[in-house]
């Protein structure tokens, strides 16, 4: 099997920062041609204003549903994973994600008001895993015991996955998103997860539950087939899991490296603004879903032909000096900013309010419970997750 290709330039990182070459590209050639790992050429947009212009104009730049299934986005051409044909569940996931009606129906489930109704459960999940961290003794892996399980349990609660099924969902999705998993193991985990999600949809068809899936089935189930609903469940569980888990783990490491700013995430008056700056600074998502130009157009001064694929670099945009002053400096007193970490426009992440709430509970309660929390290994030995759709940490041994 061919070896892995190096990630494209917008997905390369050095600790907390995009590689310097991305900044140079933004300055000298802000709209440039790149070769994506799946073998297609695309335009890479790196300036903040240009990224917002693309994401905010769905009439010109449409979501490319054929490229939505991006779990294997970092796999090289010719690998076993890239050669495998798209499964029905993956097609359904793409359809669910780009289905305008489904998005309209889901948006009320992720409003700040609805999210606040989950606050008690989120706090309980955080406290439960702080207890597990304490009982494990130190050094303990913060990723395995804290950062990964919390967002998966939260999204399972929201979707309506029964408690008895959550351990299995966590196990399968951890394997699916683990870039060190061999293709056969990952394929088997995906197969089992999809089968179980199909069973979950069937159960909700017979007796709708109280979660998002139950309400969707009860009120609109006749409008969607089982494959689309299965794809929707898969999408919600994956999208609501990895990026938030990455932000919890990477954010904790960032705060450990900047102890003088740590108190700002524990203060009611500064916590929300501090979290927005952490979201901007880290930008765990490399890019949004691919866009396809629906007509001949221009981005900046670059001509784009109809049918061209356009990728938007979220780290490039969030570190643009024309967007914020001194963008490579972490400043948790910077306050609120209009970063694009959750995308922008009609296809922005509708789970953003839920992610923000989890980060607030996780950061604050962790450092209040373990004020002496520290890395148990040198920073140079931390394993970063570099071959996935989200940048993060594979393991984070900590002591207290």
Protein backbone atom coordinates (compact mmCIF):
# COMPACT_ATOMS: atom_id res chain seq x y z
CA UNK A 1 0.00 0.00 0.00
CA UNK A 2 1.36 3.45 -0.85
CA UNK A 3 2.47 5.58 2.06
CA UNK A 4 0.50 8.52 3.29
CA UNK A 5 0.90 11.79 1.46
CA UNK A 6 1.86 14.92 3.32
CA UNK A 7 -1.24 16.90 4.29
CA UNK A 8 -2.05 19.85 2.02
CA UNK A 9 -0.60 23.16 3.15
CA UNK A 10 -3.76 24.38 4.88
CA UNK A 11 -3.83 21.24 7.06
CA UNK A 12 -0.23 21.43 8.28
CA UNK A 13 0.44 22.67 11.79
CA UNK A 14 3.31 23.27 14.18
CA UNK A 15 2.00 22.87 17.71
CA UNK A 16 -0.75 25.52 17.92
CA UNK A 17 0.06 27.37 14.71
CA UNK A 18 -0.46 26.94 10.98
CA UNK A 19 2.83 26.43 9.18
CA UNK A 20 4.54 29.71 8.15
CA UNK A 21 4.11 28.79 4.48
CA UNK A 22 0.35 29.29 4.82
CA UNK A 23 0.87 32.89 5.91
CA UNK A 24 3.26 33.47 3.03
CA UNK A 25 0.70 32.04 0.63
CA UNK A 26 -2.01 34.31 2.05
CA UNK A 27 0.22 37.34 1.53
CA UNK A 28 1.60 36.54 -1.92
CA UNK A 29 -1.00 34.31 -3.57
CA UNK A 30 -4.22 34.41 -1.50
CA UNK A 31 -6.15 32.33 -4.05
CA UNK A 32 -3.91 29.52 -5.26
CA UNK A 33 -4.11 26.09 -6.90
CA UNK A 34 -3.46 23.02 -4.77
CA UNK A 35 -3.73 19.26 -5.23
CA UNK A 36 -6.07 17.64 -2.70
CA UNK A 37 -5.34 14.18 -1.20
CA UNK A 38 -8.20 12.61 -3.13
CA UNK A 39 -6.42 13.62 -6.33
CA UNK A 40 -8.41 16.64 -7.49
CA UNK A 41 -7.12 20.16 -8.05
CA UNK A 42 -8.80 22.96 -6.14
CA UNK A 43 -8.51 26.65 -5.42
CA UNK A 44 -7.37 27.40 -1.87
CA UNK A 45 -8.70 30.68 -0.43
CA UNK A 46 -6.71 32.01 2.53
CA UNK A 47 -7.71 35.62 3.25
CA UNK A 48 -10.43 36.35 5.79
CA UNK A 49 -12.51 38.65 3.58
CA UNK A 50 -12.31 36.25 0.63
CA UNK A 51 -13.26 33.24 2.79
CA UNK A 52 -16.32 35.07 4.12
CA UNK A 53 -17.25 36.13 0.59
CA UNK A 54 -17.14 32.52 -0.67
CA UNK A 55 -18.97 30.99 2.29
CA UNK A 56 -21.56 33.75 2.28
CA UNK A 57 -22.50 33.33 -1.39
CA UNK A 58 -24.17 29.91 -1.87
CA UNK A 59 -25.67 31.04 -5.18
CA UNK A 60 -22.16 31.23 -6.65
CA UNK A 61 -20.32 28.67 -4.52
CA UNK A 62 -22.44 25.59 -3.88
CA UNK A 63 -21.61 22.83 -1.40
CA UNK A 64 -20.12 19.86 -3.25
CA UNK A 65 -22.19 16.99 -1.87
CA UNK A 66 -20.02 14.43 -3.69
CA UNK A 67 -17.05 15.47 -1.53
CA UNK A 68 -18.89 15.75 1.79
CA UNK A 69 -17.73 12.36 3.06
CA UNK A 70 -14.37 13.57 4.36
CA UNK A 71 -13.49 11.10 7.09
CA UNK A 72 -10.73 9.77 4.83
CA UNK A 73 -9.81 13.14 3.42
CA UNK A 74 -6.16 12.76 4.40
CA UNK A 75 -5.78 9.41 2.63
CA UNK A 76 -3.59 9.40 -0.49
CA UNK A 77 -4.69 8.31 -3.92
CA UNK A 78 -4.30 4.59 -4.38
CA UNK A 79 -4.77 3.68 -0.73
CA UNK A 80 -7.29 1.05 0.24
CA UNK A 81 -9.49 3.68 1.81
CA UNK A 82 -9.48 6.10 -1.09
CA UNK A 83 -10.21 3.30 -3.58
CA UNK A 84 -13.27 2.05 -1.71
CA UNK A 85 -16.57 3.12 -3.23
CA UNK A 86 -18.90 5.38 -1.34
CA UNK A 87 -21.33 3.43 0.83
CA UNK A 88 -25.10 4.07 0.86
CA UNK A 89 -24.77 5.48 4.37
CA UNK A 90 -22.07 7.91 3.20
CA UNK A 91 -24.26 9.02 0.31
CA UNK A 92 -27.13 9.50 2.74
CA UNK A 93 -24.86 11.49 5.04
CA UNK A 94 -23.98 13.82 2.17
CA UNK A 95 -27.64 14.19 1.25
CA UNK A 96 -28.62 14.90 4.85
CA UNK A 97 -25.92 17.52 5.22
CA UNK A 98 -26.86 19.40 2.06
CA UNK A 99 -30.63 18.85 2.34
CA UNK A 100 -31.98 22.36 2.90
CA UNK A 101 -35.17 21.12 4.56
CA UNK A 102 -33.30 18.95 7.06
CA UNK A 103 -31.10 21.90 7.97
CA UNK A 104 -34.18 24.07 8.54
CA UNK A 105 -35.71 21.41 10.76
CA UNK A 106 -32.51 20.92 12.75
CA UNK A 107 -31.71 24.58 13.39
CA UNK A 108 -34.30 24.98 16.20
CA UNK A 109 -32.71 21.99 17.96
CA UNK A 110 -29.39 23.84 18.24
CA UNK A 111 -30.45 27.35 19.22
CA UNK A 112 -28.80 28.88 22.31
CA UNK A 113 -32.15 28.55 24.13
CA UNK A 114 -32.50 24.83 23.35
CA UNK A 115 -28.83 24.30 24.14
CA UNK A 116 -29.24 25.89 27.59
CA UNK A 117 -31.85 23.24 28.35
CA UNK A 118 -29.02 20.70 28.13
CA UNK A 119 -26.76 22.62 30.52
CA UNK A 120 -27.54 20.42 33.52
CA UNK A 121 -26.73 17.24 31.61
CA UNK A 122 -23.53 18.70 30.13
CA UNK A 123 -22.36 19.78 33.59
CA UNK A 124 -23.14 16.30 34.92
CA UNK A 125 -21.12 14.62 32.15
CA UNK A 126 -18.18 16.95 32.83
CA UNK A 127 -18.26 16.30 36.59
CA UNK A 128 -18.60 12.55 36.04
CA UNK A 129 -15.46 12.47 33.92
CA UNK A 130 -13.55 14.72 36.28
CA UNK A 131 -14.25 12.07 38.91
CA UNK A 132 -12.97 9.38 36.54
CA UNK A 133 -9.85 11.43 35.91
CA UNK A 134 -9.24 11.78 39.64
CA UNK A 135 -9.85 8.07 40.29
CA UNK A 136 -7.46 7.07 37.51
CA UNK A 137 -4.58 8.67 39.37
CA UNK A 138 -1.83 10.56 37.68
CA UNK A 139 -0.38 10.70 35.18
CA UNK A 140 -3.68 10.23 33.34
CA UNK A 141 -4.60 10.67 29.69
CA UNK A 142 -6.86 13.71 29.52
CA UNK A 143 -7.95 12.88 25.97
CA UNK A 144 -9.18 9.36 26.67
CA UNK A 145 -10.72 10.14 30.06
CA UNK A 146 -12.14 13.61 29.48
CA UNK A 147 -11.89 15.28 26.06
CA UNK A 148 -13.28 12.43 23.95
CA UNK A 149 -16.12 10.97 26.01
CA UNK A 150 -17.86 14.21 27.00
CA UNK A 151 -18.86 15.51 23.53
CA UNK A 152 -19.96 12.07 22.38
CA UNK A 153 -22.19 11.61 25.42
CA UNK A 154 -23.62 15.10 24.92
CA UNK A 155 -24.48 14.53 21.26
CA UNK A 156 -25.93 11.10 22.09
CA UNK A 157 -28.14 12.76 24.69
CA UNK A 158 -29.27 15.36 22.17
CA UNK A 159 -29.92 12.92 19.34
CA UNK A 160 -31.68 10.38 21.54
CA UNK A 161 -29.24 7.47 21.63
CA UNK A 162 -30.24 5.21 24.56
CA UNK A 163 -27.82 5.06 27.47
CA UNK A 164 -27.18 1.36 26.93
CA UNK A 165 -25.95 2.06 23.37
CA UNK A 166 -23.62 4.98 24.09
CA UNK A 167 -20.58 2.94 25.05
CA UNK A 168 -20.77 1.09 21.74
CA UNK A 169 -21.18 4.31 19.77
CA UNK A 170 -18.19 5.79 21.56
CA UNK A 171 -16.06 2.72 20.85
CA UNK A 172 -16.96 2.55 17.16
CA UNK A 173 -16.60 6.26 16.49
CA UNK A 174 -13.27 6.39 18.32
CA UNK A 175 -11.98 3.69 15.95
CA UNK A 176 -13.45 5.42 12.89
CA UNK A 177 -11.78 8.73 13.72
CA UNK A 178 -8.48 7.22 14.84
CA UNK A 179 -6.02 7.85 12.02
CA UNK A 180 -3.82 5.00 13.28
CA UNK A 181 -6.59 2.43 12.74
CA UNK A 182 -5.92 0.07 9.86
CA UNK A 183 -8.45 0.26 6.99
CA UNK A 184 -10.10 -3.09 7.76
CA UNK A 185 -10.63 -2.21 11.40
CA UNK A 186 -12.04 1.19 10.46
CA UNK A 187 -14.30 -0.31 7.78
CA UNK A 188 -15.64 -2.89 10.23
CA UNK A 189 -16.31 -0.21 12.85
CA UNK A 190 -18.12 1.90 10.23
CA UNK A 191 -20.21 -1.07 9.14
CA UNK A 192 -21.22 -1.88 12.72
CA UNK A 193 -21.96 1.75 13.54
CA UNK A 194 -24.17 2.17 10.47
CA UNK A 195 -26.03 -1.06 11.22
CA UNK A 196 -26.68 0.06 14.77
CA UNK A 197 -27.80 3.51 13.61
CA UNK A 198 -30.22 1.87 11.17
CA UNK A 199 -31.66 -0.08 14.09
CA UNK A 200 -31.92 3.14 16.07
CA UNK A 201 -33.88 4.81 13.26
CA UNK A 202 -36.19 1.77 13.04
CA UNK A 203 -36.83 1.93 16.80
CA UNK A 204 -37.70 5.60 16.59
CA UNK A 205 -40.02 4.87 13.67
CA UNK A 206 -41.98 2.53 15.95
CA UNK A 207 -41.74 4.62 19.11
CA UNK A 208 -40.23 8.11 18.73
CA UNK A 209 -38.08 9.19 21.66
CA UNK A 210 -37.48 12.62 23.16
CA UNK A 211 -34.31 13.53 21.28
CA UNK A 212 -33.73 15.23 17.96
CA UNK A 213 -34.20 12.01 16.00
CA UNK A 214 -37.44 11.16 17.79
CA UNK A 215 -38.93 14.59 17.15
CA UNK A 216 -37.82 14.55 13.52
CA UNK A 217 -39.37 11.11 12.98
CA UNK A 218 -42.59 11.97 14.82
CA UNK A 219 -43.19 15.23 12.98
CA UNK A 220 -41.55 14.70 9.58
CA UNK A 221 -40.63 11.02 9.35
CA UNK A 222 -42.87 10.43 6.33
CA UNK A 223 -40.81 12.94 4.35
CA UNK A 224 -37.45 11.12 4.64
CA UNK A 225 -36.38 7.54 3.99
CA UNK A 226 -34.44 5.45 6.51
CA UNK A 227 -31.13 5.86 4.68
CA UNK A 228 -31.31 9.66 4.90
CA UNK A 229 -32.19 9.54 8.60
CA UNK A 230 -29.37 7.06 9.23
CA UNK A 231 -26.96 9.40 7.44
CA UNK A 232 -28.26 12.26 9.56
CA UNK A 233 -27.62 10.39 12.81
CA UNK A 234 -24.13 9.46 11.63
CA UNK A 235 -23.43 13.05 10.64
CA UNK A 236 -24.60 14.46 13.98
CA UNK A 237 -22.64 11.92 16.01
CA UNK A 238 -19.43 12.49 14.06
CA UNK A 239 -19.71 16.25 13.58
CA UNK A 240 -20.71 16.76 17.19
CA UNK A 241 -17.88 14.63 18.47
CA UNK A 242 -14.48 15.06 16.89
CA UNK A 243 -14.18 18.82 16.54
CA UNK A 244 -15.41 19.47 20.08
CA UNK A 245 -13.15 16.75 21.49
CA UNK A 246 -10.23 18.32 19.62
CA UNK A 247 -11.07 21.77 21.00
CA UNK A 248 -11.30 20.49 24.57
CA UNK A 249 -7.95 18.68 24.43
CA UNK A 250 -6.03 21.24 22.40
CA UNK A 251 -7.55 24.11 24.38
CA UNK A 252 -6.47 22.59 27.68
CA UNK A 253 -2.92 22.19 26.38
CA UNK A 254 -2.96 25.80 25.17
CA UNK A 255 -4.06 27.00 28.62
CA UNK A 256 -1.40 24.86 30.31
CA UNK A 257 1.18 26.62 28.15
CA UNK A 258 -0.30 30.04 28.97
CA UNK A 259 -0.99 29.84 32.72
CA UNK A 260 -1.13 33.63 33.10
CA UNK A 261 -4.33 33.66 31.01
CA UNK A 262 -5.96 30.55 32.45
CA UNK A 263 -8.09 32.39 35.02
CA UNK A 264 -9.96 34.17 32.23
CA UNK A 265 -11.84 30.99 31.26
CA UNK A 266 -12.99 30.58 34.88
CA UNK A 267 -14.43 34.09 35.28
CA UNK A 268 -18.07 34.68 34.30
CA UNK A 269 -17.28 38.12 32.91
CA UNK A 270 -14.43 37.02 30.64
CA UNK A 271 -15.07 33.34 29.89
CA UNK A 272 -17.18 33.74 26.76
CA UNK A 273 -14.78 36.18 25.10
CA UNK A 274 -11.81 34.04 26.12
CA UNK A 275 -13.35 30.97 24.50
CA UNK A 276 -13.96 32.89 21.26
CA UNK A 277 -10.28 33.82 21.17
CA UNK A 278 -9.28 30.19 21.80
CA UNK A 279 -11.58 29.11 18.96
CA UNK A 280 -10.00 31.69 16.64
CA UNK A 281 -6.44 30.95 17.66
CA UNK A 282 -6.65 27.15 17.40
CA UNK A 283 -9.13 26.73 14.52
CA UNK A 284 -9.16 22.92 14.72
CA UNK A 285 -11.07 22.59 11.44
CA UNK A 286 -8.71 22.89 8.48
CA UNK A 287 -11.41 23.83 6.01
CA UNK A 288 -15.12 23.80 5.34
CA UNK A 289 -16.82 21.41 2.96
CA UNK A 290 -15.63 21.87 -0.62
CA UNK A 291 -17.51 24.39 -2.71
CA UNK A 292 -18.10 24.22 -6.47
CA UNK A 293 -18.35 27.38 -8.54
CA UNK A 294 -21.74 27.38 -10.23
CA UNK A 295 -20.66 29.99 -12.77
CA UNK A 296 -17.59 31.87 -13.94
CA UNK A 297 -16.64 34.29 -11.20
CA UNK A 298 -13.79 36.09 -9.47
CA UNK A 299 -12.33 35.73 -5.97
CA UNK A 300 -10.26 38.81 -5.26
CA UNK A 301 -8.47 39.22 -8.57
CA UNK A 302 -8.40 35.50 -9.45
CA UNK A 303 -10.71 34.17 -12.15
CA UNK A 304 -12.62 31.03 -11.18
CA UNK A 305 -14.28 28.89 -13.85
CA UNK A 306 -17.66 27.25 -13.47
CA UNK A 307 -17.19 23.76 -12.03
CA UNK A 308 -13.95 24.57 -10.21
CA UNK A 309 -13.60 23.28 -6.64
CA UNK A 310 -12.93 25.92 -4.00
CA UNK A 311 -11.51 25.19 -0.54
CA UNK A 312 -11.50 27.80 2.23
CA UNK A 313 -8.62 27.75 4.71
CA UNK A 314 -10.11 28.49 8.12
CA UNK A 315 -6.74 28.85 9.91
CA UNK A 316 -5.57 31.11 7.10
CA UNK A 317 -8.60 33.35 7.54
CA UNK A 318 -8.50 33.43 11.34
CA UNK A 319 -4.79 34.31 11.37
CA UNK A 320 -5.16 37.05 8.75
CA UNK A 321 -3.62 40.32 10.05
CA UNK A 322 -6.28 42.22 8.11
CA UNK A 323 -8.86 40.49 10.35
CA UNK A 324 -7.27 40.92 13.80
CA UNK A 325 -4.20 42.78 14.96
CA UNK A 326 -1.19 40.60 15.81
CA UNK A 327 -3.12 37.41 14.90
CA UNK A 328 -0.41 34.95 15.97
CA UNK A 329 -0.56 36.18 19.57
CA UNK A 330 -3.01 34.52 21.97
CA UNK A 331 -4.87 37.25 23.85
CA UNK A 332 -7.85 36.04 25.86
CA UNK A 333 -8.72 39.65 26.67
CA UNK A 334 -9.16 40.40 22.96
CA UNK A 335 -12.90 39.89 23.39
CA UNK A 336 -15.42 38.71 20.88
CA UNK A 337 -14.42 38.43 17.24
CA UNK A 338 -16.15 37.25 14.10
CA UNK A 339 -13.89 34.25 13.49
CA UNK A 340 -14.82 31.58 10.96
CA UNK A 341 -13.95 28.53 13.07
CA UNK A 342 -17.55 27.33 12.68
CA UNK A 343 -17.73 28.41 9.06
CA UNK A 344 -19.94 31.23 7.87
CA UNK A 345 -23.24 31.65 6.07
CA UNK A 346 -26.09 29.23 5.58
CA UNK A 347 -23.86 26.14 5.87
CA UNK A 348 -22.10 27.23 9.06
CA UNK A 349 -22.04 24.76 11.94
CA UNK A 350 -25.47 24.79 13.56
CA UNK A 351 -24.01 22.97 16.58
CA UNK A 352 -21.82 25.96 17.51
CA UNK A 353 -23.89 26.97 20.59
CA UNK A 354 -23.63 23.43 21.96
CA UNK A 355 -19.88 23.29 21.33
CA UNK A 356 -19.34 26.64 23.06
CA UNK A 357 -21.28 25.50 26.11
CA UNK A 358 -19.25 22.29 26.39
CA UNK A 359 -15.99 24.22 26.17
CA UNK A 360 -17.08 26.62 28.88
CA UNK A 361 -18.04 23.83 31.29
CA UNK A 362 -14.99 21.70 30.43
CA UNK A 363 -12.31 24.38 30.78
CA UNK A 364 -13.72 26.02 33.90
CA UNK A 365 -14.56 22.91 35.89
CA UNK A 366 -11.32 21.18 34.96
CA UNK A 367 -9.11 24.00 36.23
CA UNK A 368 -11.28 24.61 39.28
CA UNK A 369 -11.09 20.91 40.19
CA UNK A 370 -7.37 20.59 39.39
CA UNK A 371 -5.78 24.05 39.84
CA UNK A 372 -2.29 22.50 39.76
CA UNK A 373 -2.94 20.62 36.51
CA UNK A 374 0.22 20.29 34.43
CA UNK A 375 1.70 18.32 31.57
CA UNK A 376 3.25 15.04 32.64
CA UNK A 377 5.55 14.94 29.61
CA UNK A 378 7.56 17.56 27.69
CA UNK A 379 5.55 19.54 25.14
CA UNK A 380 7.80 18.13 22.40
CA UNK A 381 6.55 14.61 23.26
CA UNK A 382 2.85 15.41 22.88
CA UNK A 383 1.33 13.46 19.97
CA UNK A 384 -0.69 15.72 17.69
CA UNK A 385 -3.42 14.45 15.39
CA UNK A 386 -2.27 15.64 11.98
CA UNK A 387 -4.05 13.32 9.55
CA UNK A 388 -7.71 13.99 10.19
CA UNK A 389 -10.41 16.49 9.32
CA UNK A 390 -9.76 18.19 12.68
CA UNK A 391 -6.44 19.09 14.24
CA UNK A 392 -6.08 17.80 17.77
CA UNK A 393 -4.14 15.66 20.21
CA UNK A 394 -3.96 11.88 20.29
CA UNK A 395 -2.91 11.63 23.93
CA UNK A 396 -2.29 14.17 26.70
CA UNK A 397 -0.75 12.77 29.92
CA UNK A 398 -1.36 15.18 32.81
CA UNK A 399 -0.60 15.33 36.52
CA UNK A 400 -1.96 17.51 39.32
